[in-house]
N, C-alpha and C. Protein backbone atom coordinates (compact mmCIF):
# COMPACT_ATOMS: atom_id res chain seq x y z
N MET A 1 -83.31 32.52 -18.65
CA MET A 1 -84.31 32.12 -19.62
C MET A 1 -84.36 30.59 -19.69
N ASP A 2 -85.55 30.06 -19.79
CA ASP A 2 -85.74 28.61 -19.86
C ASP A 2 -85.12 28.06 -21.14
N GLN A 3 -84.57 26.87 -21.05
CA GLN A 3 -83.90 26.26 -22.20
C GLN A 3 -84.84 25.99 -23.36
N HIS A 4 -86.15 25.92 -23.11
CA HIS A 4 -87.11 25.58 -24.16
C HIS A 4 -87.89 26.79 -24.67
N SER A 5 -87.45 28.02 -24.38
CA SER A 5 -88.26 29.18 -24.68
C SER A 5 -88.09 29.71 -26.11
N ASP A 6 -87.17 29.21 -26.88
CA ASP A 6 -86.97 29.69 -28.25
C ASP A 6 -88.05 29.14 -29.17
N GLU A 7 -88.95 30.03 -29.62
CA GLU A 7 -90.07 29.61 -30.44
C GLU A 7 -89.65 29.13 -31.82
N THR A 8 -88.42 29.40 -32.24
CA THR A 8 -87.95 28.95 -33.55
C THR A 8 -87.24 27.61 -33.47
N ASP A 9 -87.18 27.03 -32.29
CA ASP A 9 -86.52 25.74 -32.09
C ASP A 9 -87.21 24.67 -32.94
N PRO A 10 -86.49 24.12 -33.94
CA PRO A 10 -87.12 23.12 -34.82
C PRO A 10 -87.46 21.81 -34.12
N GLY A 11 -86.88 21.58 -32.95
CA GLY A 11 -87.15 20.34 -32.23
C GLY A 11 -88.34 20.42 -31.28
N ARG A 12 -89.01 21.57 -31.23
CA ARG A 12 -90.14 21.72 -30.30
C ARG A 12 -91.23 20.69 -30.54
N ARG A 13 -91.61 20.48 -31.79
CA ARG A 13 -92.68 19.53 -32.07
C ARG A 13 -92.25 18.12 -31.67
N THR A 14 -91.02 17.74 -32.02
CA THR A 14 -90.51 16.42 -31.67
C THR A 14 -90.48 16.27 -30.15
N ARG A 15 -89.95 17.27 -29.45
CA ARG A 15 -89.88 17.24 -27.98
C ARG A 15 -91.29 17.17 -27.40
N GLY A 16 -92.20 17.97 -27.95
CA GLY A 16 -93.58 17.97 -27.48
C GLY A 16 -94.26 16.63 -27.65
N LEU A 17 -94.03 15.99 -28.80
CA LEU A 17 -94.62 14.67 -29.04
C LEU A 17 -94.04 13.62 -28.10
N GLU A 18 -92.74 13.72 -27.81
CA GLU A 18 -92.10 12.79 -26.87
C GLU A 18 -92.67 12.96 -25.46
N ILE A 19 -92.82 14.19 -25.03
CA ILE A 19 -93.34 14.45 -23.69
C ILE A 19 -94.82 14.08 -23.61
N THR A 20 -95.55 14.31 -24.68
CA THR A 20 -96.96 13.90 -24.72
C THR A 20 -97.06 12.40 -24.55
N LYS A 21 -96.18 11.66 -25.22
CA LYS A 21 -96.19 10.19 -25.11
C LYS A 21 -95.87 9.76 -23.69
N GLN A 22 -94.89 10.41 -23.05
CA GLN A 22 -94.56 10.10 -21.66
C GLN A 22 -95.74 10.40 -20.74
N ALA A 23 -96.37 11.54 -20.94
CA ALA A 23 -97.47 11.96 -20.07
C ALA A 23 -98.72 11.12 -20.28
N ALA A 24 -98.99 10.74 -21.53
CA ALA A 24 -100.21 10.01 -21.84
C ALA A 24 -100.02 8.51 -21.89
N GLY A 25 -98.78 8.07 -22.03
CA GLY A 25 -98.51 6.65 -22.14
C GLY A 25 -98.84 6.08 -23.50
N ARG A 26 -99.00 6.95 -24.48
CA ARG A 26 -99.25 6.53 -25.87
C ARG A 26 -98.96 7.69 -26.80
N ASP A 27 -98.84 7.38 -28.08
CA ASP A 27 -98.57 8.42 -29.07
C ASP A 27 -99.73 9.39 -29.16
N ALA A 28 -99.40 10.63 -29.46
CA ALA A 28 -100.42 11.67 -29.66
C ALA A 28 -100.72 11.75 -31.14
N ASP A 29 -101.80 11.13 -31.56
CA ASP A 29 -102.16 11.18 -32.97
C ASP A 29 -103.05 12.38 -33.25
N GLY A 30 -103.59 12.98 -32.22
CA GLY A 30 -104.41 14.16 -32.39
C GLY A 30 -105.85 13.87 -32.73
N GLY A 31 -106.11 12.75 -33.33
CA GLY A 31 -107.48 12.41 -33.68
C GLY A 31 -108.06 13.33 -34.73
N PRO A 32 -109.38 13.30 -34.88
CA PRO A 32 -110.03 14.15 -35.88
C PRO A 32 -109.75 15.63 -35.62
N GLY A 33 -109.45 16.35 -36.64
CA GLY A 33 -109.21 17.79 -36.52
C GLY A 33 -107.87 18.16 -35.94
N SER A 34 -106.90 17.25 -35.93
CA SER A 34 -105.62 17.53 -35.30
C SER A 34 -104.66 18.29 -36.20
N GLY A 35 -105.08 18.61 -37.39
CA GLY A 35 -104.19 19.31 -38.30
C GLY A 35 -104.11 20.80 -38.07
N GLY A 36 -104.95 21.34 -37.23
CA GLY A 36 -105.00 22.78 -37.02
C GLY A 36 -104.02 23.31 -36.01
N ASP A 37 -104.11 24.60 -35.79
CA ASP A 37 -103.23 25.28 -34.86
C ASP A 37 -103.39 24.80 -33.42
N PHE A 38 -104.60 24.44 -33.03
CA PHE A 38 -104.83 24.03 -31.64
C PHE A 38 -103.95 22.83 -31.28
N PHE A 39 -103.95 21.80 -32.10
CA PHE A 39 -103.13 20.63 -31.83
C PHE A 39 -101.65 21.00 -31.81
N SER A 40 -101.22 21.80 -32.78
CA SER A 40 -99.81 22.22 -32.83
C SER A 40 -99.42 22.99 -31.58
N MET A 41 -100.29 23.90 -31.15
CA MET A 41 -99.99 24.69 -29.95
C MET A 41 -99.95 23.80 -28.71
N THR A 42 -100.84 22.83 -28.66
CA THR A 42 -100.85 21.91 -27.52
C THR A 42 -99.54 21.15 -27.45
N ILE A 43 -99.11 20.62 -28.56
CA ILE A 43 -97.87 19.83 -28.60
C ILE A 43 -96.65 20.71 -28.40
N GLU A 44 -96.58 21.81 -29.14
CA GLU A 44 -95.37 22.63 -29.16
C GLU A 44 -95.26 23.61 -27.99
N HIS A 45 -96.36 23.93 -27.35
CA HIS A 45 -96.28 24.83 -26.20
C HIS A 45 -96.56 24.08 -24.89
N LEU A 46 -97.77 23.54 -24.77
CA LEU A 46 -98.14 22.90 -23.50
C LEU A 46 -97.17 21.79 -23.13
N PHE A 47 -96.90 20.88 -24.08
CA PHE A 47 -96.02 19.76 -23.74
C PHE A 47 -94.55 20.09 -23.91
N ALA A 48 -94.15 20.68 -25.01
CA ALA A 48 -92.72 20.97 -25.23
C ALA A 48 -92.20 22.03 -24.28
N GLU A 49 -93.07 22.94 -23.83
CA GLU A 49 -92.60 24.03 -22.98
C GLU A 49 -93.04 23.89 -21.53
N VAL A 50 -94.31 23.68 -21.29
CA VAL A 50 -94.83 23.70 -19.92
C VAL A 50 -94.57 22.38 -19.19
N TRP A 51 -94.95 21.25 -19.80
CA TRP A 51 -94.76 19.96 -19.13
C TRP A 51 -93.28 19.59 -19.01
N SER A 52 -92.41 20.20 -19.77
CA SER A 52 -90.99 19.84 -19.75
C SER A 52 -90.16 20.73 -18.82
N ARG A 53 -90.79 21.70 -18.20
CA ARG A 53 -90.04 22.61 -17.33
C ARG A 53 -89.48 21.88 -16.12
N ASP A 54 -88.35 22.39 -15.63
CA ASP A 54 -87.79 21.89 -14.38
C ASP A 54 -88.66 22.40 -13.23
N GLY A 55 -88.54 21.77 -12.10
CA GLY A 55 -89.23 22.25 -10.91
C GLY A 55 -90.32 21.32 -10.41
N LEU A 56 -91.01 20.67 -11.32
CA LEU A 56 -92.02 19.68 -10.95
C LEU A 56 -91.84 18.46 -11.82
N SER A 57 -92.07 17.32 -11.23
CA SER A 57 -92.02 16.08 -12.03
C SER A 57 -93.33 15.94 -12.80
N GLY A 58 -93.34 15.02 -13.74
CA GLY A 58 -94.58 14.72 -14.46
C GLY A 58 -95.65 14.24 -13.49
N ARG A 59 -95.25 13.47 -12.50
CA ARG A 59 -96.20 13.00 -11.49
C ARG A 59 -96.78 14.16 -10.69
N ASP A 60 -95.93 15.10 -10.30
CA ASP A 60 -96.41 16.30 -9.59
C ASP A 60 -97.44 17.04 -10.44
N ARG A 61 -97.13 17.23 -11.70
CA ARG A 61 -98.05 17.93 -12.59
C ARG A 61 -99.36 17.17 -12.72
N ARG A 62 -99.27 15.85 -12.81
CA ARG A 62 -100.48 15.03 -12.91
C ARG A 62 -101.35 15.20 -11.66
N LEU A 63 -100.74 15.16 -10.48
CA LEU A 63 -101.50 15.31 -9.25
C LEU A 63 -102.20 16.67 -9.19
N LEU A 64 -101.49 17.72 -9.57
CA LEU A 64 -102.11 19.04 -9.60
C LEU A 64 -103.27 19.09 -10.57
N LEU A 65 -103.08 18.51 -11.74
CA LEU A 65 -104.12 18.50 -12.76
C LEU A 65 -105.33 17.70 -12.29
N LEU A 66 -105.11 16.56 -11.65
CA LEU A 66 -106.23 15.77 -11.14
C LEU A 66 -107.05 16.57 -10.13
N GLY A 67 -106.37 17.25 -9.22
CA GLY A 67 -107.08 18.07 -8.23
C GLY A 67 -107.90 19.17 -8.89
N LEU A 68 -107.32 19.82 -9.87
CA LEU A 68 -108.02 20.89 -10.58
C LEU A 68 -109.25 20.34 -11.32
N LEU A 69 -109.08 19.23 -12.02
CA LEU A 69 -110.19 18.67 -12.79
C LEU A 69 -111.32 18.19 -11.89
N VAL A 70 -110.97 17.60 -10.74
CA VAL A 70 -112.01 17.20 -9.80
C VAL A 70 -112.75 18.43 -9.29
N GLY A 71 -112.02 19.44 -8.89
CA GLY A 71 -112.63 20.66 -8.36
C GLY A 71 -113.51 21.37 -9.36
N GLN A 72 -113.16 21.29 -10.63
CA GLN A 72 -113.93 21.94 -11.68
C GLN A 72 -115.04 21.05 -12.24
N GLY A 73 -115.08 19.79 -11.81
CA GLY A 73 -116.10 18.88 -12.31
C GLY A 73 -115.93 18.51 -13.77
N MET A 74 -114.70 18.49 -14.23
CA MET A 74 -114.39 18.20 -15.64
C MET A 74 -114.16 16.70 -15.81
N ASP A 75 -115.26 15.94 -15.73
CA ASP A 75 -115.18 14.48 -15.67
C ASP A 75 -114.57 13.83 -16.90
N ASP A 76 -114.85 14.35 -18.09
CA ASP A 76 -114.27 13.74 -19.30
C ASP A 76 -112.75 13.87 -19.31
N ALA A 77 -112.26 15.06 -19.03
CA ALA A 77 -110.81 15.27 -18.98
C ALA A 77 -110.20 14.50 -17.81
N LEU A 78 -110.93 14.43 -16.72
CA LEU A 78 -110.46 13.68 -15.55
C LEU A 78 -110.26 12.22 -15.89
N GLN A 79 -111.20 11.65 -16.63
CA GLN A 79 -111.09 10.23 -17.01
C GLN A 79 -109.82 9.99 -17.82
N VAL A 80 -109.51 10.90 -18.74
CA VAL A 80 -108.31 10.78 -19.55
C VAL A 80 -107.06 10.81 -18.66
N GLN A 81 -107.04 11.72 -17.70
CA GLN A 81 -105.88 11.86 -16.82
C GLN A 81 -105.73 10.69 -15.85
N LEU A 82 -106.84 10.19 -15.34
CA LEU A 82 -106.77 9.01 -14.47
C LEU A 82 -106.22 7.82 -15.23
N ASP A 83 -106.73 7.62 -16.44
CA ASP A 83 -106.26 6.52 -17.29
C ASP A 83 -104.76 6.65 -17.57
N ALA A 84 -104.33 7.85 -17.92
CA ALA A 84 -102.91 8.07 -18.22
C ALA A 84 -102.05 7.84 -16.98
N ALA A 85 -102.51 8.28 -15.82
CA ALA A 85 -101.74 8.10 -14.59
C ALA A 85 -101.55 6.63 -14.26
N LEU A 86 -102.57 5.83 -14.47
CA LEU A 86 -102.47 4.39 -14.20
C LEU A 86 -101.64 3.70 -15.28
N ARG A 87 -101.88 4.05 -16.55
CA ARG A 87 -101.17 3.41 -17.67
C ARG A 87 -99.68 3.69 -17.63
N THR A 88 -99.28 4.89 -17.23
CA THR A 88 -97.86 5.25 -17.19
C THR A 88 -97.20 4.85 -15.87
N ALA A 89 -97.98 4.27 -14.98
CA ALA A 89 -97.51 3.86 -13.66
C ALA A 89 -97.05 5.03 -12.80
N GLU A 90 -97.53 6.23 -13.11
CA GLU A 90 -97.26 7.38 -12.23
C GLU A 90 -98.00 7.21 -10.91
N LEU A 91 -99.16 6.59 -10.98
CA LEU A 91 -99.96 6.35 -9.79
C LEU A 91 -100.45 4.91 -9.79
N THR A 92 -100.44 4.29 -8.63
CA THR A 92 -100.91 2.93 -8.47
C THR A 92 -102.40 2.94 -8.13
N PRO A 93 -103.08 1.80 -8.23
CA PRO A 93 -104.47 1.75 -7.78
C PRO A 93 -104.64 2.23 -6.33
N ARG A 94 -103.72 1.83 -5.48
CA ARG A 94 -103.79 2.28 -4.07
C ARG A 94 -103.69 3.80 -3.97
N GLU A 95 -102.78 4.40 -4.72
CA GLU A 95 -102.62 5.86 -4.68
C GLU A 95 -103.85 6.56 -5.26
N LEU A 96 -104.42 6.01 -6.32
CA LEU A 96 -105.64 6.60 -6.88
C LEU A 96 -106.77 6.58 -5.85
N ARG A 97 -106.88 5.48 -5.14
CA ARG A 97 -107.92 5.39 -4.10
C ARG A 97 -107.66 6.39 -2.97
N GLU A 98 -106.41 6.61 -2.64
CA GLU A 98 -106.08 7.60 -1.60
C GLU A 98 -106.40 9.01 -2.08
N ILE A 99 -106.20 9.27 -3.35
CA ILE A 99 -106.56 10.57 -3.93
C ILE A 99 -108.06 10.80 -3.79
N VAL A 100 -108.85 9.76 -4.02
CA VAL A 100 -110.31 9.87 -3.85
C VAL A 100 -110.65 10.32 -2.43
N VAL A 101 -110.07 9.64 -1.44
CA VAL A 101 -110.36 9.97 -0.04
C VAL A 101 -109.96 11.41 0.26
N PHE A 102 -108.77 11.79 -0.17
CA PHE A 102 -108.27 13.14 0.11
C PHE A 102 -109.11 14.22 -0.56
N LEU A 103 -109.32 14.08 -1.87
CA LEU A 103 -110.03 15.13 -2.61
C LEU A 103 -111.50 15.22 -2.23
N THR A 104 -112.09 14.12 -1.80
CA THR A 104 -113.49 14.15 -1.37
C THR A 104 -113.68 15.17 -0.24
N HIS A 105 -112.72 15.26 0.64
CA HIS A 105 -112.84 16.17 1.78
C HIS A 105 -112.66 17.63 1.39
N TYR A 106 -112.14 17.90 0.24
CA TYR A 106 -111.97 19.28 -0.22
C TYR A 106 -112.95 19.65 -1.32
N ALA A 107 -113.26 18.71 -2.19
CA ALA A 107 -114.14 19.00 -3.34
C ALA A 107 -115.60 18.71 -3.03
N GLY A 108 -115.87 17.99 -1.96
CA GLY A 108 -117.24 17.68 -1.58
C GLY A 108 -117.60 16.24 -1.88
N TRP A 109 -118.60 15.77 -1.14
CA TRP A 109 -118.99 14.37 -1.25
C TRP A 109 -119.50 14.00 -2.64
N PRO A 110 -120.36 14.78 -3.27
CA PRO A 110 -120.82 14.40 -4.62
C PRO A 110 -119.67 14.28 -5.63
N ARG A 111 -118.73 15.20 -5.60
CA ARG A 111 -117.58 15.13 -6.50
C ARG A 111 -116.73 13.91 -6.14
N GLY A 112 -116.55 13.65 -4.85
CA GLY A 112 -115.78 12.48 -4.42
C GLY A 112 -116.43 11.18 -4.83
N ALA A 113 -117.76 11.13 -4.74
CA ALA A 113 -118.47 9.92 -5.16
C ALA A 113 -118.30 9.68 -6.66
N GLN A 114 -118.37 10.74 -7.43
CA GLN A 114 -118.15 10.63 -8.88
C GLN A 114 -116.74 10.15 -9.17
N LEU A 115 -115.76 10.75 -8.50
CA LEU A 115 -114.36 10.36 -8.68
C LEU A 115 -114.15 8.91 -8.27
N ASN A 116 -114.73 8.51 -7.16
CA ASN A 116 -114.59 7.12 -6.71
C ASN A 116 -115.10 6.15 -7.77
N GLY A 117 -116.24 6.45 -8.34
CA GLY A 117 -116.78 5.59 -9.39
C GLY A 117 -115.85 5.50 -10.59
N GLN A 118 -115.30 6.64 -10.99
CA GLN A 118 -114.37 6.66 -12.12
C GLN A 118 -113.12 5.83 -11.81
N VAL A 119 -112.57 6.01 -10.63
CA VAL A 119 -111.35 5.29 -10.25
C VAL A 119 -111.62 3.80 -10.16
N GLU A 120 -112.69 3.40 -9.52
CA GLU A 120 -112.98 1.97 -9.37
C GLU A 120 -113.27 1.32 -10.72
N ASP A 121 -113.98 2.00 -11.61
CA ASP A 121 -114.22 1.46 -12.95
C ASP A 121 -112.90 1.30 -13.71
N LEU A 122 -112.04 2.30 -13.62
CA LEU A 122 -110.74 2.25 -14.30
C LEU A 122 -109.90 1.09 -13.78
N ILE A 123 -109.83 0.95 -12.48
CA ILE A 123 -109.03 -0.13 -11.88
C ILE A 123 -109.57 -1.49 -12.30
N ALA A 124 -110.88 -1.62 -12.28
CA ALA A 124 -111.49 -2.89 -12.69
C ALA A 124 -111.18 -3.20 -14.15
N ARG A 125 -111.29 -2.21 -15.03
CA ARG A 125 -111.00 -2.40 -16.46
C ARG A 125 -109.53 -2.73 -16.69
N SER A 126 -108.66 -2.17 -15.86
CA SER A 126 -107.22 -2.38 -16.05
C SER A 126 -106.76 -3.75 -15.57
N GLY A 127 -107.56 -4.39 -14.74
CA GLY A 127 -107.15 -5.67 -14.18
C GLY A 127 -106.06 -5.55 -13.13
N ARG A 128 -105.87 -4.35 -12.58
CA ARG A 128 -104.79 -4.11 -11.62
C ARG A 128 -105.31 -3.93 -10.21
N ASP A 129 -106.46 -4.51 -9.88
CA ASP A 129 -107.10 -4.28 -8.59
C ASP A 129 -106.24 -4.69 -7.41
N GLY A 130 -105.49 -5.74 -7.50
CA GLY A 130 -104.69 -6.20 -6.38
C GLY A 130 -103.35 -5.53 -6.23
N GLU A 131 -103.00 -4.61 -7.14
CA GLU A 131 -101.66 -3.98 -7.11
C GLU A 131 -101.64 -2.80 -6.16
N ASP A 132 -100.47 -2.55 -5.60
CA ASP A 132 -100.28 -1.36 -4.77
C ASP A 132 -99.78 -0.21 -5.56
């Protein structure tokens, strides 16, 4: 049994908030409407349980999620994940550009063009264009 599977664990929310901060590169305030069950389940299950499992690194999980979001055309969520990947230094500008080239060949040219625009805008806004 996984070490984090006890639903009565009082540290789940704390652990979930810590992992959310690591994954997002900032505190999870939840924003408007964060007082409900959805936010709690996201923090206490998705992050405290799923993102904290052994077997894949946070970077591995991010790469899988980026591929899924590109394939599904979920541009808003993709933008959040690209930003988090660059902000947390999980991925460099060079690696993000390589992801564009790779995923374009699987997701199709229109999706790749959209992704390229998102990546280039993000890199330009971050001021990290010359970094590897």
